[in-house]
Amino acid sequence: MEIVRIQTDKAPAAIGPYSQAVTFGDFIFASGQIPVDPATGLIDGESAAEQAERCFSNIRAVLAEAGSSLTKVVKATVFLADMNDFASVNAVYEKAFSEAPVLPARSAVQVARLPKDVRVEIEVIALR
């Protein structure tokens, strides 16, 4: 098996030395997505919930490029700039995974700061 880079212009380009995602066998390891609109390069949304919606749009695009979807996510990590945003982001999260046959394992943590000073970043591991 080899590691394969996943790249799509339907999600923001990497802003550093990393891949949007990589696959290894049947696993897809997606880098954290922040709420950047890939068409404009600008932050999409003011509230954490609005930003989480864009994060999931970007994740969907990366997973689609790899031949997968949110229904095949096995692990998610949610990074929040403020844990007070947990409930509103959790509502977006619940909606994003509403069609999943099994909800993914998840961690949600507050961090000191996120890239571009966004309010939320989400990363996932999925199956093809």
N, C-alpha and C. Protein backbone atom coordinates (compact mmCIF):
# COMPACT_ATOMS: atom_id res chain seq x y z
N MET A 1 0.84 -1.18 0.00
CA MET A 1 0.00 0.00 0.00
C MET A 1 0.88 1.24 0.00
N GLU A 2 0.38 2.27 -0.63
CA GLU A 2 1.11 3.53 -0.65
C GLU A 2 0.24 4.66 -0.13
N ILE A 3 0.88 5.71 0.30
CA ILE A 3 0.18 6.92 0.74
C ILE A 3 -0.09 7.75 -0.50
N VAL A 4 -1.35 8.18 -0.67
CA VAL A 4 -1.75 8.96 -1.84
C VAL A 4 -2.28 10.31 -1.37
N ARG A 5 -1.82 11.37 -2.01
CA ARG A 5 -2.26 12.73 -1.71
C ARG A 5 -3.61 13.00 -2.36
N ILE A 6 -4.51 13.64 -1.62
CA ILE A 6 -5.81 14.06 -2.14
C ILE A 6 -5.80 15.58 -2.24
N GLN A 7 -6.22 16.09 -3.38
CA GLN A 7 -6.24 17.54 -3.63
C GLN A 7 -7.45 17.89 -4.46
N THR A 8 -8.21 18.90 -4.04
CA THR A 8 -9.34 19.39 -4.82
C THR A 8 -9.39 20.91 -4.75
N ASP A 9 -9.82 21.53 -5.82
CA ASP A 9 -9.99 22.98 -5.80
C ASP A 9 -11.35 23.37 -5.24
N LYS A 10 -12.15 22.38 -4.83
CA LYS A 10 -13.46 22.64 -4.23
C LYS A 10 -13.37 22.84 -2.72
N ALA A 11 -12.14 22.80 -2.20
CA ALA A 11 -11.84 23.11 -0.80
C ALA A 11 -10.62 24.01 -0.80
N PRO A 12 -10.41 24.75 0.29
CA PRO A 12 -9.27 25.67 0.32
C PRO A 12 -7.94 24.94 0.14
N ALA A 13 -7.05 25.56 -0.58
CA ALA A 13 -5.71 25.01 -0.73
C ALA A 13 -5.02 25.02 0.63
N ALA A 14 -4.11 24.10 0.82
CA ALA A 14 -3.34 24.05 2.06
C ALA A 14 -2.58 25.37 2.24
N ILE A 15 -2.55 25.88 3.46
CA ILE A 15 -1.85 27.14 3.73
C ILE A 15 -0.50 26.88 4.38
N GLY A 16 0.01 25.68 4.17
CA GLY A 16 1.31 25.31 4.71
C GLY A 16 1.79 24.03 4.04
N PRO A 17 2.83 23.45 4.57
CA PRO A 17 3.40 22.24 3.97
C PRO A 17 2.66 20.97 4.40
N TYR A 18 1.43 20.81 3.90
CA TYR A 18 0.63 19.63 4.20
C TYR A 18 -0.34 19.38 3.06
N SER A 19 -0.99 18.22 3.08
CA SER A 19 -1.99 17.86 2.07
C SER A 19 -3.38 18.09 2.63
N GLN A 20 -4.34 18.34 1.75
CA GLN A 20 -5.73 18.44 2.20
C GLN A 20 -6.15 17.14 2.87
N ALA A 21 -5.71 16.04 2.29
CA ALA A 21 -5.95 14.71 2.86
C ALA A 21 -4.96 13.75 2.24
N VAL A 22 -4.80 12.62 2.90
CA VAL A 22 -4.03 11.52 2.33
C VAL A 22 -4.82 10.24 2.55
N THR A 23 -4.64 9.30 1.63
CA THR A 23 -5.25 8.00 1.82
C THR A 23 -4.16 6.97 2.02
N PHE A 24 -4.52 5.97 2.78
CA PHE A 24 -3.65 4.82 2.99
C PHE A 24 -4.58 3.63 3.09
N GLY A 25 -4.55 2.77 2.10
CA GLY A 25 -5.50 1.68 2.06
C GLY A 25 -6.91 2.23 1.97
N ASP A 26 -7.78 1.78 2.84
CA ASP A 26 -9.17 2.23 2.84
C ASP A 26 -9.41 3.44 3.75
N PHE A 27 -8.35 3.99 4.33
CA PHE A 27 -8.49 5.12 5.25
C PHE A 27 -8.17 6.44 4.57
N ILE A 28 -8.93 7.46 4.93
CA ILE A 28 -8.71 8.83 4.48
C ILE A 28 -8.44 9.67 5.73
N PHE A 29 -7.30 10.31 5.75
CA PHE A 29 -6.92 11.18 6.86
C PHE A 29 -6.99 12.62 6.33
N ALA A 30 -8.05 13.32 6.71
CA ALA A 30 -8.26 14.69 6.22
C ALA A 30 -7.67 15.70 7.19
N SER A 31 -6.93 16.64 6.66
CA SER A 31 -6.41 17.73 7.47
C SER A 31 -7.55 18.58 7.99
N GLY A 32 -7.29 19.30 9.06
CA GLY A 32 -8.30 20.19 9.62
C GLY A 32 -8.75 21.21 8.60
N GLN A 33 -10.05 21.43 8.54
CA GLN A 33 -10.62 22.42 7.64
C GLN A 33 -11.10 23.60 8.46
N ILE A 34 -10.71 24.78 8.02
CA ILE A 34 -11.22 26.02 8.61
C ILE A 34 -12.23 26.61 7.64
N PRO A 35 -12.99 27.61 8.07
CA PRO A 35 -14.09 28.13 7.26
C PRO A 35 -13.66 29.10 6.15
N VAL A 36 -12.78 28.65 5.30
CA VAL A 36 -12.34 29.47 4.18
C VAL A 36 -13.13 29.07 2.94
N ASP A 37 -13.69 30.06 2.26
CA ASP A 37 -14.39 29.83 1.01
C ASP A 37 -13.34 29.60 -0.06
N PRO A 38 -13.34 28.42 -0.70
CA PRO A 38 -12.28 28.13 -1.68
C PRO A 38 -12.32 29.05 -2.90
N ALA A 39 -13.48 29.62 -3.20
CA ALA A 39 -13.60 30.50 -4.37
C ALA A 39 -12.98 31.87 -4.13
N THR A 40 -13.07 32.34 -2.87
CA THR A 40 -12.59 33.70 -2.58
C THR A 40 -11.34 33.73 -1.71
N GLY A 41 -11.11 32.66 -0.96
CA GLY A 41 -10.01 32.65 -0.02
C GLY A 41 -10.30 33.40 1.26
N LEU A 42 -11.56 33.84 1.42
CA LEU A 42 -11.95 34.62 2.60
C LEU A 42 -12.65 33.73 3.62
N ILE A 43 -12.63 34.17 4.88
CA ILE A 43 -13.33 33.47 5.95
C ILE A 43 -14.83 33.61 5.69
N ASP A 44 -15.54 32.50 5.81
CA ASP A 44 -16.98 32.45 5.56
C ASP A 44 -17.71 32.28 6.89
N GLY A 45 -18.44 33.30 7.29
CA GLY A 45 -19.24 33.22 8.51
C GLY A 45 -18.63 34.00 9.66
N GLU A 46 -19.51 34.57 10.45
CA GLU A 46 -19.07 35.30 11.64
C GLU A 46 -19.16 34.41 12.88
N SER A 47 -20.32 33.78 13.07
CA SER A 47 -20.51 32.96 14.26
C SER A 47 -19.80 31.62 14.11
N ALA A 48 -19.58 30.96 15.22
CA ALA A 48 -18.95 29.64 15.19
C ALA A 48 -19.82 28.65 14.43
N ALA A 49 -21.12 28.74 14.56
CA ALA A 49 -22.02 27.84 13.84
C ALA A 49 -21.92 28.05 12.33
N GLU A 50 -21.92 29.31 11.90
CA GLU A 50 -21.77 29.60 10.46
C GLU A 50 -20.42 29.09 9.96
N GLN A 51 -19.39 29.29 10.75
CA GLN A 51 -18.07 28.82 10.34
C GLN A 51 -18.01 27.30 10.30
N ALA A 52 -18.68 26.63 11.22
CA ALA A 52 -18.73 25.17 11.21
C ALA A 52 -19.41 24.65 9.95
N GLU A 53 -20.45 25.34 9.49
CA GLU A 53 -21.12 24.96 8.24
C GLU A 53 -20.12 24.95 7.08
N ARG A 54 -19.30 25.99 6.99
CA ARG A 54 -18.29 26.05 5.92
C ARG A 54 -17.23 24.97 6.11
N CYS A 55 -16.84 24.73 7.34
CA CYS A 55 -15.87 23.64 7.58
C CYS A 55 -16.41 22.33 7.02
N PHE A 56 -17.68 22.04 7.28
CA PHE A 56 -18.26 20.79 6.77
C PHE A 56 -18.40 20.81 5.26
N SER A 57 -18.67 21.95 4.66
CA SER A 57 -18.69 22.02 3.18
C SER A 57 -17.33 21.66 2.62
N ASN A 58 -16.28 22.18 3.23
CA ASN A 58 -14.92 21.89 2.79
C ASN A 58 -14.58 20.42 3.01
N ILE A 59 -14.98 19.87 4.15
CA ILE A 59 -14.72 18.45 4.43
C ILE A 59 -15.44 17.57 3.41
N ARG A 60 -16.70 17.90 3.10
CA ARG A 60 -17.44 17.13 2.09
C ARG A 60 -16.69 17.10 0.76
N ALA A 61 -16.15 18.24 0.36
CA ALA A 61 -15.43 18.34 -0.91
C ALA A 61 -14.17 17.47 -0.91
N VAL A 62 -13.43 17.50 0.18
CA VAL A 62 -12.21 16.70 0.28
C VAL A 62 -12.56 15.22 0.28
N LEU A 63 -13.56 14.84 1.06
CA LEU A 63 -13.95 13.43 1.10
C LEU A 63 -14.48 12.96 -0.25
N ALA A 64 -15.24 13.79 -0.94
CA ALA A 64 -15.75 13.41 -2.26
C ALA A 64 -14.61 13.16 -3.23
N GLU A 65 -13.60 14.01 -3.18
CA GLU A 65 -12.43 13.83 -4.05
C GLU A 65 -11.74 12.49 -3.77
N ALA A 66 -11.81 12.05 -2.53
CA ALA A 66 -11.19 10.78 -2.14
C ALA A 66 -12.14 9.60 -2.32
N GLY A 67 -13.36 9.85 -2.80
CA GLY A 67 -14.32 8.77 -3.01
C GLY A 67 -15.09 8.38 -1.77
N SER A 68 -15.33 9.34 -0.89
CA SER A 68 -16.02 9.05 0.37
C SER A 68 -17.05 10.14 0.67
N SER A 69 -17.58 10.08 1.89
CA SER A 69 -18.57 11.08 2.32
C SER A 69 -18.61 11.11 3.85
N LEU A 70 -19.41 12.03 4.37
CA LEU A 70 -19.55 12.14 5.82
C LEU A 70 -20.14 10.87 6.44
N THR A 71 -20.86 10.08 5.67
CA THR A 71 -21.45 8.85 6.21
C THR A 71 -20.39 7.80 6.53
N LYS A 72 -19.16 8.02 6.08
CA LYS A 72 -18.09 7.06 6.31
C LYS A 72 -17.01 7.58 7.26
N VAL A 73 -17.29 8.67 7.95
CA VAL A 73 -16.34 9.22 8.92
C VAL A 73 -16.35 8.34 10.17
N VAL A 74 -15.15 7.96 10.62
CA VAL A 74 -15.04 7.14 11.82
C VAL A 74 -14.54 7.92 13.03
N LYS A 75 -13.88 9.07 12.78
CA LYS A 75 -13.35 9.89 13.87
C LYS A 75 -13.35 11.34 13.45
N ALA A 76 -13.79 12.21 14.35
CA ALA A 76 -13.78 13.65 14.10
C ALA A 76 -13.16 14.36 15.30
N THR A 77 -12.45 15.43 15.01
CA THR A 77 -11.93 16.29 16.06
C THR A 77 -12.36 17.72 15.76
N VAL A 78 -12.97 18.34 16.75
CA VAL A 78 -13.46 19.71 16.63
C VAL A 78 -12.61 20.59 17.53
N PHE A 79 -12.00 21.59 16.93
CA PHE A 79 -11.18 22.55 17.67
C PHE A 79 -11.96 23.85 17.76
N LEU A 80 -12.16 24.35 18.97
CA LEU A 80 -12.93 25.56 19.20
C LEU A 80 -12.05 26.64 19.83
N ALA A 81 -12.19 27.86 19.37
CA ALA A 81 -11.48 28.97 19.99
C ALA A 81 -12.11 29.31 21.34
N ASP A 82 -13.40 28.97 21.51
CA ASP A 82 -14.12 29.26 22.74
C ASP A 82 -15.10 28.12 23.01
N MET A 83 -14.94 27.41 24.10
CA MET A 83 -15.82 26.29 24.43
C MET A 83 -17.27 26.74 24.63
N ASN A 84 -17.50 28.03 24.82
CA ASN A 84 -18.87 28.53 24.91
C ASN A 84 -19.62 28.36 23.59
N ASP A 85 -18.90 28.13 22.50
CA ASP A 85 -19.51 27.89 21.19
C ASP A 85 -19.88 26.42 20.98
N PHE A 86 -19.60 25.56 21.96
CA PHE A 86 -19.81 24.13 21.79
C PHE A 86 -21.24 23.79 21.37
N ALA A 87 -22.24 24.32 22.04
CA ALA A 87 -23.63 23.95 21.75
C ALA A 87 -24.03 24.31 20.33
N SER A 88 -23.67 25.50 19.87
CA SER A 88 -24.07 25.90 18.52
C SER A 88 -23.33 25.10 17.46
N VAL A 89 -22.06 24.82 17.69
CA VAL A 89 -21.29 24.00 16.75
C VAL A 89 -21.79 22.56 16.79
N ASN A 90 -22.14 22.07 17.97
CA ASN A 90 -22.65 20.72 18.12
C ASN A 90 -23.94 20.52 17.32
N ALA A 91 -24.78 21.55 17.26
CA ALA A 91 -26.02 21.46 16.46
C ALA A 91 -25.69 21.31 14.98
N VAL A 92 -24.70 22.04 14.49
CA VAL A 92 -24.27 21.92 13.10
C VAL A 92 -23.66 20.54 12.86
N TYR A 93 -22.86 20.09 13.80
CA TYR A 93 -22.22 18.77 13.74
C TYR A 93 -23.29 17.68 13.64
N GLU A 94 -24.27 17.75 14.51
CA GLU A 94 -25.35 16.74 14.52
C GLU A 94 -26.06 16.69 13.17
N LYS A 95 -26.35 17.85 12.60
CA LYS A 95 -27.01 17.91 11.29
C LYS A 95 -26.10 17.33 10.20
N ALA A 96 -24.80 17.64 10.25
CA ALA A 96 -23.87 17.15 9.23
C ALA A 96 -23.82 15.63 9.21
N PHE A 97 -23.95 15.01 10.37
CA PHE A 97 -23.86 13.55 10.45
C PHE A 97 -25.22 12.88 10.58
N SER A 98 -26.28 13.58 10.23
CA SER A 98 -27.63 13.04 10.40
C SER A 98 -27.90 11.79 9.57
N GLU A 99 -27.18 11.60 8.47
CA GLU A 99 -27.39 10.42 7.63
C GLU A 99 -26.38 9.31 7.91
N ALA A 100 -25.48 9.53 8.82
CA ALA A 100 -24.47 8.52 9.13
C ALA A 100 -25.12 7.32 9.83
N PRO A 101 -24.82 6.10 9.37
CA PRO A 101 -25.40 4.93 10.02
C PRO A 101 -24.89 4.75 11.45
N VAL A 102 -23.67 5.21 11.70
CA VAL A 102 -23.06 5.20 13.03
C VAL A 102 -22.35 6.53 13.20
N LEU A 103 -22.62 7.22 14.29
CA LEU A 103 -21.94 8.49 14.52
C LEU A 103 -20.46 8.24 14.78
N PRO A 104 -19.60 9.12 14.26
CA PRO A 104 -18.16 8.92 14.47
C PRO A 104 -17.77 9.16 15.93
N ALA A 105 -16.66 8.56 16.31
CA ALA A 105 -16.04 8.93 17.58
C ALA A 105 -15.61 10.39 17.45
N ARG A 106 -15.56 11.12 18.57
CA ARG A 106 -15.25 12.55 18.46
C ARG A 106 -14.53 13.06 19.68
N SER A 107 -13.69 14.03 19.43
CA SER A 107 -13.11 14.86 20.49
C SER A 107 -13.46 16.30 20.17
N ALA A 108 -13.69 17.10 21.18
CA ALA A 108 -13.92 18.53 21.01
C ALA A 108 -13.09 19.24 22.07
N VAL A 109 -12.23 20.13 21.62
CA VAL A 109 -11.32 20.80 22.55
C VAL A 109 -11.27 22.30 22.27
N GLN A 110 -11.04 23.06 23.33
CA GLN A 110 -10.79 24.49 23.18
C GLN A 110 -9.29 24.67 23.02
N VAL A 111 -8.91 25.52 22.08
CA VAL A 111 -7.50 25.81 21.83
C VAL A 111 -7.25 27.30 22.01
N ALA A 112 -6.00 27.64 22.18
CA ALA A 112 -5.65 29.04 22.42
C ALA A 112 -5.89 29.91 21.20
N ARG A 113 -5.63 29.33 20.02
CA ARG A 113 -5.78 30.13 18.79
C ARG A 113 -5.82 29.19 17.60
N LEU A 114 -6.58 29.56 16.58
CA LEU A 114 -6.68 28.79 15.35
C LEU A 114 -6.16 29.60 14.18
N PRO A 115 -5.78 28.94 13.08
CA PRO A 115 -5.28 29.67 11.91
C PRO A 115 -6.27 30.76 11.47
N LYS A 116 -5.72 31.88 11.08
CA LYS A 116 -6.51 33.03 10.60
C LYS A 116 -7.51 33.52 11.64
N ASP A 117 -7.30 33.14 12.90
CA ASP A 117 -8.16 33.55 14.02
C ASP A 117 -9.62 33.15 13.83
N VAL A 118 -9.85 32.00 13.18
CA VAL A 118 -11.23 31.51 13.03
C VAL A 118 -11.71 30.98 14.37
N ARG A 119 -13.00 30.68 14.44
CA ARG A 119 -13.60 30.20 15.69
C ARG A 119 -13.65 28.68 15.78
N VAL A 120 -13.52 27.99 14.61
CA VAL A 120 -13.63 26.53 14.62
C VAL A 120 -12.79 25.92 13.50
N GLU A 121 -12.25 24.75 13.77
CA GLU A 121 -11.55 23.93 12.79
C GLU A 121 -11.99 22.49 13.04
N ILE A 122 -12.20 21.73 11.97
CA ILE A 122 -12.66 20.33 12.11
C ILE A 122 -11.81 19.44 11.23
N GLU A 123 -11.35 18.32 11.80
CA GLU A 123 -10.62 17.32 11.02
C GLU A 123 -11.31 15.98 11.17
N VAL A 124 -11.16 15.11 10.17
CA VAL A 124 -11.82 13.81 10.21
C VAL A 124 -10.92 12.71 9.67
N ILE A 125 -11.24 11.51 10.07
CA ILE A 125 -10.69 10.29 9.50
C ILE A 125 -11.89 9.51 8.98
N ALA A 126 -11.81 9.05 7.73
CA ALA A 126 -12.95 8.37 7.11
C ALA A 126 -12.48 7.13 6.38
N LEU A 127 -13.45 6.32 6.01
CA LEU A 127 -13.20 5.16 5.14
C LEU A 127 -13.62 5.51 3.73
N ARG A 128 -13.02 4.83 2.76
CA ARG A 128 -13.44 5.03 1.37
C ARG A 128 -14.81 4.43 1.15
